[in-house]
Amino acid sequence: MEERETKGIAPYRMNQIVKTAADITDRLVNGRNLYSPTYHECEIVIELVAEAIKKSKNEYRRK
C-alpha cells in the first residue's frame, strides 16, 4: 500500500470541530451556564477559550 500525504482537515475531524463549536455556542446562547449573556460577555468567553488552548498547546510542546 502507498502512503499518501493528507492535506487539510479530514471530514470526520472537521465534523468534531464543528460539533464542539456548536456546543460552546449552545451553552452561551441558550443560557445553560450563563443566563442572557451580552455580546461583550460572549467575546470574553471566547477569548478565555482561546487563551486556554494557547496555554495547553505550549504545555504539550514542552514535553
Protein backbone atom coordinates (compact mmCIF):
# COMPACT_ATOMS: atom_id res chain seq x y z
CA MET A 1 0.00 0.00 0.00
CA GLU A 2 1.13 3.50 -0.74
CA GLU A 3 1.27 6.15 1.94
CA ARG A 4 -0.42 9.36 0.96
CA GLU A 5 0.00 12.76 2.49
CA THR A 6 -3.19 14.20 3.91
CA LYS A 7 -3.59 17.92 3.44
CA GLY A 8 -6.09 19.96 5.36
CA ILE A 9 -8.56 18.66 7.92
CA ALA A 10 -10.23 15.32 7.41
CA PRO A 11 -14.05 15.41 7.13
CA TYR A 12 -14.57 13.43 10.36
CA ARG A 13 -12.23 15.74 12.29
CA MET A 14 -13.93 18.82 10.86
CA ASN A 15 -17.28 17.40 11.96
CA GLN A 16 -15.96 17.05 15.51
CA ILE A 17 -14.63 20.63 15.46
CA VAL A 18 -17.99 21.98 14.28
CA LYS A 19 -19.83 19.98 16.97
CA THR A 20 -17.56 21.45 19.64
CA ALA A 21 -18.13 24.99 18.38
CA ALA A 22 -21.88 24.32 18.28
CA ASP A 23 -21.81 23.05 21.88
CA ILE A 24 -19.99 26.16 23.09
CA THR A 25 -22.42 28.37 21.17
CA ASP A 26 -25.40 26.46 22.58
CA ARG A 27 -24.14 26.89 26.12
CA LEU A 28 -23.63 30.61 25.58
CA VAL A 29 -26.80 31.50 23.71
CA ASN A 30 -29.30 29.27 25.49
CA GLY A 31 -28.20 30.21 28.98
CA ARG A 32 -27.19 26.75 30.13
CA ASN A 33 -24.41 28.21 32.27
CA LEU A 34 -24.75 31.97 31.83
CA TYR A 35 -28.23 33.49 31.66
CA SER A 36 -28.78 36.07 28.91
CA PRO A 37 -25.16 36.98 28.14
CA THR A 38 -24.28 40.20 26.34
CA TYR A 39 -22.12 40.20 23.21
CA HIS A 40 -19.24 41.50 25.30
CA GLU A 41 -19.58 38.59 27.72
CA CYS A 42 -19.65 36.14 24.81
CA GLU A 43 -16.44 37.66 23.49
CA ILE A 44 -14.85 37.26 26.93
CA VAL A 45 -15.78 33.57 26.97
CA ILE A 46 -14.32 33.00 23.51
CA GLU A 47 -11.12 34.82 24.46
CA LEU A 48 -10.80 32.65 27.58
CA VAL A 49 -11.23 29.51 25.49
CA ALA A 50 -8.61 30.74 23.02
CA GLU A 51 -6.21 31.52 25.87
CA ALA A 52 -6.72 28.06 27.39
CA ILE A 53 -5.99 26.47 24.00
CA LYS A 54 -2.79 28.51 23.62
CA LYS A 55 -1.60 27.52 27.09
CA SER A 56 -2.32 23.83 26.56
CA LYS A 57 -0.59 23.97 23.16
CA ASN A 58 2.56 25.39 24.75
CA GLU A 59 2.49 22.81 27.57
CA TYR A 60 2.07 19.97 25.08
CA ARG A 61 5.07 21.10 23.02
CA ARG A 62 7.36 21.28 26.07
CA LYS A 63 7.08 17.54 26.76
